[in-house]
Protein backbone atom coordinates (compact mmCIF):
# COMPACT_ATOMS: atom_id res chain seq x y z
CA UNK A 1 111.85 104.41 81.66
CA UNK A 2 113.74 102.69 78.85
CA UNK A 3 111.52 100.58 76.59
CA UNK A 4 112.39 97.84 74.11
CA UNK A 5 110.50 97.76 70.79
CA UNK A 6 108.40 94.62 70.57
CA UNK A 7 108.74 94.47 66.78
CA UNK A 8 112.51 93.95 66.86
CA UNK A 9 113.63 92.85 70.34
CA UNK A 10 114.44 89.22 71.12
CA UNK A 11 113.97 87.05 74.17
CA UNK A 12 117.68 87.42 74.90
CA UNK A 13 117.30 91.23 74.91
CA UNK A 14 114.56 90.93 77.53
CA UNK A 15 116.56 88.44 79.62
CA UNK A 16 119.60 90.75 79.65
CA UNK A 17 117.48 93.58 81.09
CA UNK A 18 115.89 91.24 83.63
CA UNK A 19 119.36 90.12 84.71
CA UNK A 20 120.64 93.65 85.21
CA UNK A 21 117.55 95.58 86.36
CA UNK A 22 114.96 92.97 87.39
CA UNK A 23 112.37 94.40 84.99
CA UNK A 24 111.94 95.63 81.42
CA UNK A 25 109.12 97.23 79.41
CA UNK A 26 108.43 96.06 75.85
CA UNK A 27 106.16 98.10 73.60
CA UNK A 28 103.72 97.02 70.91
CA UNK A 29 102.92 93.42 71.89
CA UNK A 30 99.14 93.96 71.89
CA UNK A 31 97.29 95.58 68.99
CA UNK A 32 94.93 98.48 69.62
CA UNK A 33 92.04 96.23 68.62
CA UNK A 34 93.05 93.54 71.14
CA UNK A 35 93.46 96.15 73.88
CA UNK A 36 89.98 97.53 73.23
CA UNK A 37 88.46 94.04 73.22
CA UNK A 38 90.16 93.12 76.50
CA UNK A 39 89.18 96.40 78.16
CA UNK A 40 85.57 95.98 77.07
CA UNK A 41 85.25 92.37 78.21
CA UNK A 42 86.91 93.03 81.54
CA UNK A 43 84.56 95.98 81.99
CA UNK A 44 81.67 93.54 81.73
CA UNK A 45 83.20 91.34 84.44
CA UNK A 46 84.19 94.24 86.69
CA UNK A 47 80.60 95.50 86.75
CA UNK A 48 79.87 92.60 89.13
CA UNK A 49 83.24 92.46 90.91
CA UNK A 50 83.58 93.75 94.51
CA UNK A 51 86.51 95.79 95.75
CA UNK A 52 89.35 94.35 97.82
CA UNK A 53 89.03 92.72 101.24
CA UNK A 54 92.15 94.22 102.82
CA UNK A 55 94.75 96.94 102.39
CA UNK A 56 96.99 94.72 100.27
CA UNK A 57 94.25 93.96 97.71
CA UNK A 58 93.10 97.57 98.01
CA UNK A 59 89.77 98.71 99.42
CA UNK A 60 89.20 100.79 96.27
CA UNK A 61 90.65 98.20 93.89
CA UNK A 62 88.82 95.45 92.00
CA UNK A 63 90.54 92.16 91.17
CA UNK A 64 89.33 89.63 88.62
CA UNK A 65 90.54 86.21 89.72
CA UNK A 66 90.10 82.99 87.70
CA UNK A 67 90.68 85.17 84.66
CA UNK A 68 90.70 82.39 82.06
CA UNK A 69 87.35 81.11 83.30
CA UNK A 70 85.77 84.48 82.49
CA UNK A 71 87.32 85.94 79.33
CA UNK A 72 88.98 84.72 76.13
CA UNK A 73 90.73 88.02 75.39
CA UNK A 74 94.09 86.97 76.87
CA UNK A 75 94.29 83.43 75.48
CA UNK A 76 96.80 84.29 72.77
CA UNK A 77 98.71 86.87 74.81
CA UNK A 78 99.44 84.25 77.49
CA UNK A 79 101.39 82.21 74.92
CA UNK A 80 102.93 85.06 72.92
CA UNK A 81 106.16 83.79 71.29
CA UNK A 82 108.35 86.45 72.92
CA UNK A 83 106.86 85.70 76.34
CA UNK A 84 107.43 81.96 75.93
CA UNK A 85 111.00 82.54 74.77
CA UNK A 86 111.74 84.58 77.90
CA UNK A 87 110.06 82.00 80.15
CA UNK A 88 112.09 79.20 78.59
CA UNK A 89 115.32 81.08 79.33
CA UNK A 90 114.47 82.31 82.84
CA UNK A 91 112.33 79.56 84.38
CA UNK A 92 112.88 76.54 82.12
CA UNK A 93 109.92 74.30 83.02
CA UNK A 94 107.05 76.50 84.17
CA UNK A 95 103.30 76.87 84.55
CA UNK A 96 100.75 79.67 84.65
CA UNK A 97 100.35 80.66 88.30
CA UNK A 98 98.20 83.72 88.99
CA UNK A 99 96.40 85.52 86.15
CA UNK A 100 94.43 88.49 87.51
CA UNK A 101 92.83 91.65 86.20
CA UNK A 102 93.39 94.68 88.47
CA UNK A 103 91.48 97.97 88.34
CA UNK A 104 92.80 100.56 90.80
CA UNK A 105 90.02 103.01 91.59
CA UNK A 106 90.22 106.74 92.34
CA UNK A 107 91.44 107.44 95.86
CA UNK A 108 93.26 104.12 96.27
CA UNK A 109 96.43 104.29 98.37
CA UNK A 110 99.78 102.97 97.23
CA UNK A 111 100.28 99.27 97.87
CA UNK A 112 103.00 98.08 100.21
CA UNK A 113 106.23 97.08 98.48
CA UNK A 114 106.67 93.33 98.31
CA UNK A 115 108.25 90.45 96.38
CA UNK A 116 105.99 87.98 94.61
CA UNK A 117 108.23 84.99 95.30
CA UNK A 118 108.11 85.64 99.06
CA UNK A 119 105.15 83.28 99.44
CA UNK A 120 107.48 80.32 98.85
CA UNK A 121 109.65 79.35 101.89
CA UNK A 122 112.83 78.78 99.91
CA UNK A 123 116.39 79.23 101.17
CA UNK A 124 118.01 82.38 99.83
CA UNK A 125 119.58 83.25 97.50
CA UNK A 126 117.95 81.11 94.82
CA UNK A 127 117.55 81.33 91.04
CA UNK A 128 114.35 82.88 89.69
CA UNK A 129 111.20 80.88 90.44
CA UNK A 130 108.56 83.49 89.47
CA UNK A 131 108.28 85.68 86.39
CA UNK A 132 105.51 88.25 86.07
CA UNK A 133 104.10 90.24 83.19
CA UNK A 134 101.93 93.34 83.60
CA UNK A 135 99.77 94.31 80.61
CA UNK A 136 98.28 97.85 80.82
CA UNK A 137 94.85 98.34 79.29
CA UNK A 138 94.79 102.03 80.29
CA UNK A 139 97.60 104.56 80.21
CA UNK A 140 99.78 103.91 83.28
CA UNK A 141 100.87 107.22 84.85
CA UNK A 142 102.50 108.31 88.09
CA UNK A 143 99.17 109.79 89.20
CA UNK A 144 96.78 106.91 88.43
CA UNK A 145 98.56 103.97 90.08
CA UNK A 146 101.32 102.79 87.77
CA UNK A 147 103.45 100.06 89.37
CA UNK A 148 106.34 101.32 91.51
CA UNK A 149 109.55 99.32 91.74
CA UNK A 150 113.10 99.35 93.10
CA UNK A 151 115.37 98.61 90.13
CA UNK A 152 118.10 96.10 90.90
CA UNK A 153 116.51 94.95 94.17
CA UNK A 154 116.39 91.37 92.83
CA UNK A 155 120.16 91.30 93.41
CA UNK A 156 120.06 92.45 97.04
CA UNK A 157 121.58 90.31 99.76
CA UNK A 158 119.14 88.16 101.80
CA UNK A 159 117.40 90.13 104.54
CA UNK A 160 117.59 93.57 102.96
CA UNK A 161 114.33 95.47 102.61
CA UNK A 162 113.52 98.77 100.90
CA UNK A 163 114.56 101.88 102.80
CA UNK A 164 113.45 105.50 102.32
CA UNK A 165 116.70 106.31 100.55
CA UNK A 166 116.21 103.58 97.92
CA UNK A 167 115.00 105.25 94.70
CA UNK A 168 111.53 104.23 93.51
CA UNK A 169 110.80 104.13 89.79
CA UNK A 170 107.30 104.36 88.32
CA UNK A 171 106.48 102.05 85.40
CA UNK A 172 104.67 104.53 83.18
CA UNK A 173 103.60 102.81 79.95
CA UNK A 174 100.90 102.77 77.31
CA UNK A 175 98.27 100.16 76.45
CA UNK A 176 99.73 97.48 74.20
CA UNK A 177 102.98 97.39 76.17
CA UNK A 178 104.04 94.81 78.73
CA UNK A 179 106.36 94.94 81.71
CA UNK A 180 108.34 91.79 82.50
CA UNK A 181 109.62 91.62 86.09
CA UNK A 182 111.15 88.96 88.30
CA UNK A 183 109.33 87.67 91.37
CA UNK A 184 112.30 88.72 93.53
CA UNK A 185 111.98 92.41 92.57
CA UNK A 186 110.54 94.73 95.25
CA UNK A 187 107.50 96.51 93.79
CA UNK A 188 103.90 97.54 94.47
CA UNK A 189 100.92 99.26 92.92
CA UNK A 190 100.84 103.04 93.05
CA UNK A 191 98.15 105.25 94.54
CA UNK A 192 95.45 106.65 92.28
CA UNK A 193 95.18 110.43 92.70
CA UNK A 194 92.96 110.89 89.63
CA UNK A 195 89.21 110.69 89.08
CA UNK A 196 89.47 107.69 86.71
CA UNK A 197 90.30 104.01 87.39
CA UNK A 198 93.41 102.32 86.01
CA UNK A 199 93.11 98.82 84.50
CA UNK A 200 95.80 96.23 83.86
CA UNK A 201 96.23 92.45 83.75
CA UNK A 202 98.96 90.39 85.41
CA UNK A 203 99.98 87.02 84.02
CA UNK A 204 102.28 85.35 86.55
CA UNK A 205 104.29 82.21 85.83
CA UNK A 206 106.07 79.91 88.28
CA UNK A 207 108.51 77.02 87.92
CA UNK A 208 106.80 73.66 87.44
CA UNK A 209 107.97 72.22 90.79
CA UNK A 210 106.18 74.87 92.88
CA UNK A 211 102.45 75.11 93.52
CA UNK A 212 100.54 77.71 91.55
CA UNK A 213 98.92 80.57 93.46
CA UNK A 214 95.65 79.77 91.68
CA UNK A 215 94.50 76.17 91.25
CA UNK A 216 93.40 76.18 87.62
CA UNK A 217 92.00 72.66 87.88
CA UNK A 218 89.32 74.14 90.15
CA UNK A 219 89.18 77.70 88.79
CA UNK A 220 88.67 76.90 85.08
CA UNK A 221 85.80 74.53 84.16
CA UNK A 222 86.71 71.67 81.83
CA UNK A 223 84.35 72.77 79.09
CA UNK A 224 86.26 76.07 78.95
CA UNK A 225 89.65 74.37 79.16
CA UNK A 226 88.79 72.45 75.99
CA UNK A 227 88.33 75.79 74.18
CA UNK A 228 91.79 77.11 75.08
CA UNK A 229 94.74 77.05 72.70
CA UNK A 230 96.82 73.89 73.09
CA UNK A 231 99.87 75.76 74.40
CA UNK A 232 97.79 77.54 77.04
CA UNK A 233 96.13 74.30 78.18
CA UNK A 234 99.55 72.88 78.86
CA UNK A 235 100.66 75.92 80.82
CA UNK A 236 97.67 76.16 83.12
CA UNK A 237 97.96 72.42 83.98
CA UNK A 238 94.17 72.08 83.68
CA UNK A 239 93.90 70.01 80.52
CA UNK A 240 92.54 66.51 81.12
CA UNK A 241 95.01 63.69 80.45
CA UNK A 242 95.87 60.15 81.49
CA UNK A 243 96.19 59.53 85.22
CA UNK A 244 99.67 60.36 86.49
CA UNK A 245 100.53 62.51 83.48
CA UNK A 246 101.30 66.15 84.08
CA UNK A 247 101.77 69.10 81.77
CA UNK A 248 104.94 71.17 81.53
CA UNK A 249 105.95 74.46 79.98
CA UNK A 250 109.09 73.91 77.96
CA UNK A 251 108.26 73.34 74.31
CA UNK A 252 104.67 72.48 75.23
CA UNK A 253 105.63 68.82 75.60
CA UNK A 254 103.98 66.31 77.90
CA UNK A 255 106.38 64.71 80.34
CA UNK A 256 105.74 62.03 82.95
CA UNK A 257 107.42 62.67 86.33
CA UNK A 258 110.71 60.79 86.62
CA UNK A 259 110.47 57.70 88.79
CA UNK A 260 112.71 57.63 91.83
CA UNK A 261 113.45 61.36 91.60
CA UNK A 262 110.98 63.13 93.93
CA UNK A 263 110.23 66.68 92.92
CA UNK A 264 112.36 66.70 89.78
CA UNK A 265 110.18 68.46 87.22
CA UNK A 266 107.21 67.44 89.38
CA UNK A 267 104.50 69.85 90.40
CA UNK A 268 103.62 69.97 94.09
CA UNK A 269 100.28 68.43 93.19
CA UNK A 270 99.88 65.94 90.36
CA UNK A 271 96.21 65.75 89.46
CA UNK A 272 94.00 63.15 87.89
CA UNK A 273 90.26 63.00 87.42
CA UNK A 274 87.77 60.26 87.96
CA UNK A 275 84.67 59.43 85.97
CA UNK A 276 82.64 61.86 88.06
CA UNK A 277 84.87 64.73 86.96
CA UNK A 278 86.15 65.39 90.48
CA UNK A 279 89.78 66.38 90.96
CA UNK A 280 92.11 64.40 93.20
CA UNK A 281 95.49 65.79 94.28
CA UNK A 282 98.51 63.78 95.38
CA UNK A 283 101.13 65.87 97.14
CA UNK A 284 104.72 65.27 96.16
CA UNK A 285 107.81 66.53 97.95
CA UNK A 286 109.21 69.73 96.52
CA UNK A 287 112.94 69.54 95.82
CA UNK A 288 114.97 72.17 94.02
CA UNK A 289 115.93 70.63 90.66
CA UNK A 290 119.61 70.04 90.05
CA UNK A 291 121.88 68.73 87.33
CA UNK A 292 122.17 69.76 83.69
CA UNK A 293 118.42 69.94 83.03
CA UNK A 294 118.13 73.65 83.88
CA UNK A 295 120.53 76.42 82.88
CA UNK A 296 120.53 79.03 85.64
CA UNK A 297 124.14 80.18 85.15
CA UNK A 298 123.23 83.73 84.21
CA UNK A 299 121.06 84.14 87.31
CA UNK A 300 123.16 82.48 90.03
CA UNK A 301 124.43 85.83 91.29
CA UNK A 302 120.91 87.05 92.14
CA UNK A 303 120.15 87.44 95.84
CA UNK A 304 116.49 88.33 96.51
CA UNK A 305 115.56 90.01 99.77
CA UNK A 306 113.67 88.48 102.67
CA UNK A 307 109.93 87.78 102.51
CA UNK A 308 107.56 90.69 102.95
CA UNK A 309 105.88 91.07 106.33
CA UNK A 310 102.45 90.25 104.94
CA UNK A 311 101.57 86.60 104.59
CA UNK A 312 98.98 87.43 101.94
CA UNK A 313 99.32 85.70 98.59
CA UNK A 314 100.87 88.37 96.47
CA UNK A 315 99.45 89.74 93.25
CA UNK A 316 101.04 93.00 92.24
CA UNK A 317 99.09 96.01 91.16
């Protein structure tokens, strides 16, 4: 699979590949030292982590949810300048949605193909609302469970699903690399036919006007939130702030929801906290943002396929 060099590629280079193929691999964004630290710390957590509860999670696969409550090794990666540049161009205003560590064990079967944005009941086609990144901490090979994908499937007409004749690619890549892929791309974790597990981390981002898959206000304790880098605090929407104030992605700026414009740049749940530290949520209507505030021109031709049959919240493998 073609790979862009992380040392020289730009956000625009990544966006061009996402537009045409729905995915792209970039090499060299994590140092060997950072990879080793992340692998070691996740190993500590995985020692007490059970395997999956269903076929989608994987009965021989372990998943580390509430990742930023348990390890500090991805704090800087989550706000890498190249990643933020791509997010600004593809999603505009965004938030961290579903960070998860995934270790596919020996004997695991291939995961069903699915689209990560299928959990949102949106009319199709629509511009991108989910952008994922997969960070391998082990070598990803065809035999040990590297992610499988259907290139270009983010541009399929509504209702089309993968067929046996559609070519499947395998995202083989080395630790330190990252694969960017759109939430409308059909993909799934591969089966592990080796004797060793395969470990990777997914950092998923979603537009600011949709609910996150993981509620970081509940998943990440406040004493840990205060330790996070400022940019990350603003992207996981967990940082304490004045009542009614929410946190957005673009430029790391704070922005108060616009009065009289339901859903415009508003999360589906604005949160505030009382003196007891409890979290209160106020649901707001979700309306697709319009007007000149978001530039989706390059993506308007995309036509993602219909939702996957499973109603399970989707985290790729």
